[in-house]
Amino acid sequence: MNITGISAWLAVPVVAAALASGVAAAPLPPASSAHAPASPPPGNASRGAEVYEAKCGACHSLDANRIGPKHRGVFGRKAGAVPDFHYSDALKKSGIVWNEKTLNTWLQSPVKMVPGTAMGFQLRDAQERADVIAYLKQQSGKH
């Protein structure tokens, strides 16, 4: 049985009484895990363009390297592969190929995904991440 907190104390007499009378107790549903990874929400490229400009645009551009590398064509590209951009050794050696899953993990916590990377910015909101990813996918021509 997977019971937590005060409800465990309340359930003990009920279960004991049911077992004593020969009545089988109904199984409890599995406890939900707050740490179970949820599927990312569907992204909206139009909203993603706005989020990208507001939260990514200070360091990134679609077509020019800035503090961070340019992003047009990022889908399907190997991490650390934009010409004329200086990447951390950690990112160059990561072997990551950018797609929805890798970008979602990266934007959630770049330092966790690739320790030693130069990017520290996190896009914590799952909907914003999904929207930015939809926008980058659209701008990469990968529909």
C-alpha atoms as a PDB file:
ATOM      1  CA  MET A   1       0.000   0.000   0.000  1.00  0.00           C
ATOM      2  CA  ASN A   2       1.316   3.419  -0.872  1.00  0.00           C
ATOM      3  CA  ILE A   3      -0.314   5.743   1.659  1.00  0.00           C
ATOM      4  CA  THR A   4       1.320   8.845   3.067  1.00  0.00           C
ATOM      5  CA  GLY A   5       0.625  11.400   5.771  1.00  0.00           C
ATOM      6  CA  ILE A   6      -2.364  11.392   8.100  1.00  0.00           C
ATOM      7  CA  SER A   7      -4.472   9.320   5.720  1.00  0.00           C
ATOM      8  CA  ALA A   8      -2.271   6.328   6.593  1.00  0.00           C
ATOM      9  CA  TRP A   9      -3.431   6.500  10.223  1.00  0.00           C
ATOM     10  CA  LEU A  10      -7.043   6.681   9.121  1.00  0.00           C
ATOM     11  CA  ALA A  11      -6.702   3.789   6.695  1.00  0.00           C
ATOM     12  CA  VAL A  12      -5.193   1.291   9.166  1.00  0.00           C
ATOM     13  CA  PRO A  13      -8.397   0.651  11.172  1.00  0.00           C
ATOM     14  CA  VAL A  14     -10.480   0.414   7.981  1.00  0.00           C
ATOM     15  CA  VAL A  15      -8.129  -2.091   6.369  1.00  0.00           C
ATOM     16  CA  ALA A  16      -7.821  -4.088   9.615  1.00  0.00           C
ATOM     17  CA  ALA A  17     -11.621  -4.259   9.977  1.00  0.00           C
ATOM     18  CA  ALA A  18     -12.033  -5.317   6.334  1.00  0.00           C
ATOM     19  CA  LEU A  19      -9.423  -8.058   6.672  1.00  0.00           C
ATOM     20  CA  ALA A  20     -10.929  -9.299   9.963  1.00  0.00           C
ATOM     21  CA  SER A  21     -14.380  -9.597   8.382  1.00  0.00           C
ATOM     22  CA  GLY A  22     -13.022 -11.387   5.316  1.00  0.00           C
ATOM     23  CA  VAL A  23     -13.797  -8.485   2.966  1.00  0.00           C
ATOM     24  CA  ALA A  24     -10.961  -7.619   0.645  1.00  0.00           C
ATOM     25  CA  ALA A  25     -10.048  -3.973   0.562  1.00  0.00           C
ATOM     26  CA  ALA A  26     -10.109  -2.316  -2.856  1.00  0.00           C
ATOM     27  CA  PRO A  27      -6.619  -1.454  -4.091  1.00  0.00           C
ATOM     28  CA  LEU A  28      -5.646   2.179  -3.849  1.00  0.00           C
ATOM     29  CA  PRO A  29      -4.702   4.033  -7.014  1.00  0.00           C
ATOM     30  CA  PRO A  30      -0.962   4.582  -7.421  1.00  0.00           C
ATOM     31  CA  ALA A  31       0.362   7.716  -5.791  1.00  0.00           C
ATOM     32  CA  SER A  32       1.075  10.460  -8.276  1.00  0.00           C
ATOM     33  CA  SER A  33       4.670  11.514  -8.512  1.00  0.00           C
ATOM     34  CA  ALA A  34       5.442  15.198  -8.536  1.00  0.00           C
ATOM     35  CA  HIS A  35       8.731  14.287 -10.223  1.00  0.00           C
ATOM     36  CA  ALA A  36       7.305  12.282 -13.122  1.00  0.00           C
ATOM     37  CA  PRO A  37       8.204  14.039 -16.390  1.00  0.00           C
ATOM     38  CA  ALA A  38       5.128  15.415 -18.077  1.00  0.00           C
ATOM     39  CA  SER A  39       4.825  15.595 -21.818  1.00  0.00           C
ATOM     40  CA  PRO A  40       5.599  19.097 -22.997  1.00  0.00           C
ATOM     41  CA  PRO A  41       2.556  21.097 -24.043  1.00  0.00           C
ATOM     42  CA  PRO A  42       2.008  21.743 -27.749  1.00  0.00           C
ATOM     43  CA  GLY A  43       3.985  24.734 -28.941  1.00  0.00           C
ATOM     44  CA  ASN A  44       2.713  27.804 -30.759  1.00  0.00           C
ATOM     45  CA  ALA A  45       5.262  29.293 -33.167  1.00  0.00           C
ATOM     46  CA  SER A  46       3.639  32.759 -33.107  1.00  0.00           C
ATOM     47  CA  ARG A  47       3.880  32.967 -29.339  1.00  0.00           C
ATOM     48  CA  GLY A  48       7.346  31.447 -29.613  1.00  0.00           C
ATOM     49  CA  ALA A  49       8.501  34.338 -31.808  1.00  0.00           C
ATOM     50  CA  GLU A  50       7.455  36.777 -29.081  1.00  0.00           C
ATOM     51  CA  VAL A  51       9.105  34.768 -26.297  1.00  0.00           C
ATOM     52  CA  TYR A  52      12.253  34.325 -28.397  1.00  0.00           C
ATOM     53  CA  GLU A  53      12.540  38.054 -29.002  1.00  0.00           C
ATOM     54  CA  ALA A  54      11.833  38.945 -25.357  1.00  0.00           C
ATOM     55  CA  LYS A  55      13.899  36.282 -23.599  1.00  0.00           C
ATOM     56  CA  CYS A  56      16.452  34.990 -26.112  1.00  0.00           C
ATOM     57  CA  GLY A  57      16.998  38.009 -28.372  1.00  0.00           C
ATOM     58  CA  ALA A  58      19.509  39.776 -26.142  1.00  0.00           C
ATOM     59  CA  CYS A  59      22.045  37.008 -26.815  1.00  0.00           C
ATOM     60  CA  HIS A  60      20.733  35.195 -29.911  1.00  0.00           C
ATOM     61  CA  SER A  61      19.483  35.951 -33.400  1.00  0.00           C
ATOM     62  CA  LEU A  62      18.152  33.734 -36.147  1.00  0.00           C
ATOM     63  CA  ASP A  63      20.755  34.839 -38.675  1.00  0.00           C
ATOM     64  CA  ALA A  64      23.745  36.336 -36.870  1.00  0.00           C
ATOM     65  CA  ASN A  65      26.078  35.149 -34.149  1.00  0.00           C
ATOM     66  CA  ARG A  66      25.938  37.378 -31.080  1.00  0.00           C
ATOM     67  CA  ILE A  67      26.826  36.430 -27.509  1.00  0.00           C
ATOM     68  CA  GLY A  68      25.226  33.108 -28.461  1.00  0.00           C
ATOM     69  CA  PRO A  69      25.153  31.378 -31.860  1.00  0.00           C
ATOM     70  CA  LYS A  70      22.600  32.022 -34.582  1.00  0.00           C
ATOM     71  CA  HIS A  71      19.590  29.742 -34.519  1.00  0.00           C
ATOM     72  CA  ARG A  72      18.147  29.438 -38.014  1.00  0.00           C
ATOM     73  CA  GLY A  73      18.583  25.816 -39.035  1.00  0.00           C
ATOM     74  CA  VAL A  74      19.156  24.620 -35.463  1.00  0.00           C
ATOM     75  CA  PHE A  75      16.879  21.569 -35.893  1.00  0.00           C
ATOM     76  CA  GLY A  76      18.933  18.569 -36.910  1.00  0.00           C
ATOM     77  CA  ARG A  77      22.190  20.455 -36.354  1.00  0.00           C
ATOM     78  CA  LYS A  78      24.896  19.069 -34.098  1.00  0.00           C
ATOM     79  CA  ALA A  79      25.543  21.206 -31.010  1.00  0.00           C
ATOM     80  CA  GLY A  80      28.653  23.342 -31.340  1.00  0.00           C
ATOM     81  CA  ALA A  81      28.634  23.322 -35.144  1.00  0.00           C
ATOM     82  CA  VAL A  82      27.828  26.909 -36.200  1.00  0.00           C
ATOM     83  CA  PRO A  83      30.821  28.237 -38.132  1.00  0.00           C
ATOM     84  CA  ASP A  84      32.639  31.254 -36.699  1.00  0.00           C
ATOM     85  CA  PHE A  85      31.173  30.838 -33.221  1.00  0.00           C
ATOM     86  CA  HIS A  86      33.353  29.999 -30.218  1.00  0.00           C
ATOM     87  CA  TYR A  87      31.653  27.239 -28.186  1.00  0.00           C
ATOM     88  CA  SER A  88      32.698  25.732 -24.886  1.00  0.00           C
ATOM     89  CA  ASP A  89      34.644  22.490 -25.219  1.00  0.00           C
ATOM     90  CA  ALA A  90      31.893  20.786 -23.216  1.00  0.00           C
ATOM     91  CA  LEU A  91      29.223  21.654 -25.780  1.00  0.00           C
ATOM     92  CA  LYS A  92      31.432  20.815 -28.763  1.00  0.00           C
ATOM     93  CA  LYS A  93      32.130  17.378 -27.273  1.00  0.00           C
ATOM     94  CA  SER A  94      28.528  16.719 -26.152  1.00  0.00           C
ATOM     95  CA  GLY A  95      27.402  14.879 -29.299  1.00  0.00           C
ATOM     96  CA  ILE A  96      23.937  16.484 -29.003  1.00  0.00           C
ATOM     97  CA  VAL A  97      21.803  16.868 -32.104  1.00  0.00           C
ATOM     98  CA  TRP A  98      19.089  19.493 -31.668  1.00  0.00           C
ATOM     99  CA  ASN A  99      15.474  18.338 -31.804  1.00  0.00           C
ATOM    100  CA  GLU A 100      12.338  18.926 -29.686  1.00  0.00           C
ATOM    101  CA  LYS A 101      13.517  16.702 -26.852  1.00  0.00           C
ATOM    102  CA  THR A 102      17.111  17.920 -26.671  1.00  0.00           C
ATOM    103  CA  LEU A 103      16.088  21.575 -26.962  1.00  0.00           C
ATOM    104  CA  ASN A 104      13.474  21.159 -24.233  1.00  0.00           C
ATOM    105  CA  THR A 105      16.051  19.627 -21.881  1.00  0.00           C
ATOM    106  CA  TRP A 106      18.653  22.236 -22.835  1.00  0.00           C
ATOM    107  CA  LEU A 107      16.366  25.222 -22.330  1.00  0.00           C
ATOM    108  CA  GLN A 108      15.224  23.834 -19.000  1.00  0.00           C
ATOM    109  CA  SER A 109      18.784  23.674 -17.638  1.00  0.00           C
ATOM    110  CA  PRO A 110      21.778  23.946 -19.979  1.00  0.00           C
ATOM    111  CA  VAL A 111      24.285  23.524 -17.139  1.00  0.00           C
ATOM    112  CA  LYS A 112      22.628  20.308 -15.987  1.00  0.00           C
ATOM    113  CA  MET A 113      22.497  18.906 -19.512  1.00  0.00           C
ATOM    114  CA  VAL A 114      26.077  19.850 -20.389  1.00  0.00           C
ATOM    115  CA  PRO A 115      28.217  20.661 -17.357  1.00  0.00           C
ATOM    116  CA  GLY A 116      30.846  23.201 -18.372  1.00  0.00           C
ATOM    117  CA  THR A 117      28.708  24.932 -20.987  1.00  0.00           C
ATOM    118  CA  ALA A 118      28.836  28.721 -21.220  1.00  0.00           C
ATOM    119  CA  MET A 119      25.051  29.203 -21.361  1.00  0.00           C
ATOM    120  CA  GLY A 120      23.448  29.622 -17.966  1.00  0.00           C
ATOM    121  CA  PHE A 121      20.046  31.034 -18.936  1.00  0.00           C
ATOM    122  CA  GLN A 122      17.050  28.804 -18.154  1.00  0.00           C
ATOM    123  CA  LEU A 123      13.614  29.036 -19.710  1.00  0.00           C
ATOM    124  CA  ARG A 124      11.694  27.485 -16.827  1.00  0.00           C
ATOM    125  CA  ASP A 125       8.128  27.771 -18.108  1.00  0.00           C
ATOM    126  CA  ALA A 126       7.192  24.596 -20.045  1.00  0.00           C
ATOM    127  CA  GLN A 127       4.755  26.443 -22.336  1.00  0.00           C
ATOM    128  CA  GLU A 128       7.329  29.097 -23.203  1.00  0.00           C
ATOM    129  CA  ARG A 129       9.876  26.368 -23.982  1.00  0.00           C
ATOM    130  CA  ALA A 130       7.371  24.565 -26.219  1.00  0.00           C
ATOM    131  CA  ASP A 131       6.519  27.824 -27.996  1.00  0.00           C
ATOM    132  CA  VAL A 132      10.164  28.772 -28.585  1.00  0.00           C
ATOM    133  CA  ILE A 133      10.916  25.266 -29.835  1.00  0.00           C
ATOM    134  CA  ALA A 134       7.937  25.435 -32.250  1.00  0.00           C
ATOM    135  CA  TYR A 135       9.254  28.790 -33.494  1.00  0.00           C
ATOM    136  CA  LEU A 136      12.802  27.514 -33.967  1.00  0.00           C
ATOM    137  CA  LYS A 137      11.477  24.440 -35.758  1.00  0.00           C
ATOM    138  CA  GLN A 138       9.406  26.644 -38.066  1.00  0.00           C
ATOM    139  CA  GLN A 139      12.406  28.897 -38.749  1.00  0.00           C
ATOM    140  CA  SER A 140      14.579  25.855 -39.443  1.00  0.00           C
ATOM    141  CA  GLY A 141      12.168  24.747 -42.163  1.00  0.00           C
ATOM    142  CA  LYS A 142      11.402  21.504 -40.304  1.00  0.00           C
ATOM    143  CA  HIS A 143       7.627  21.275 -40.237  1.00  0.00           C
END
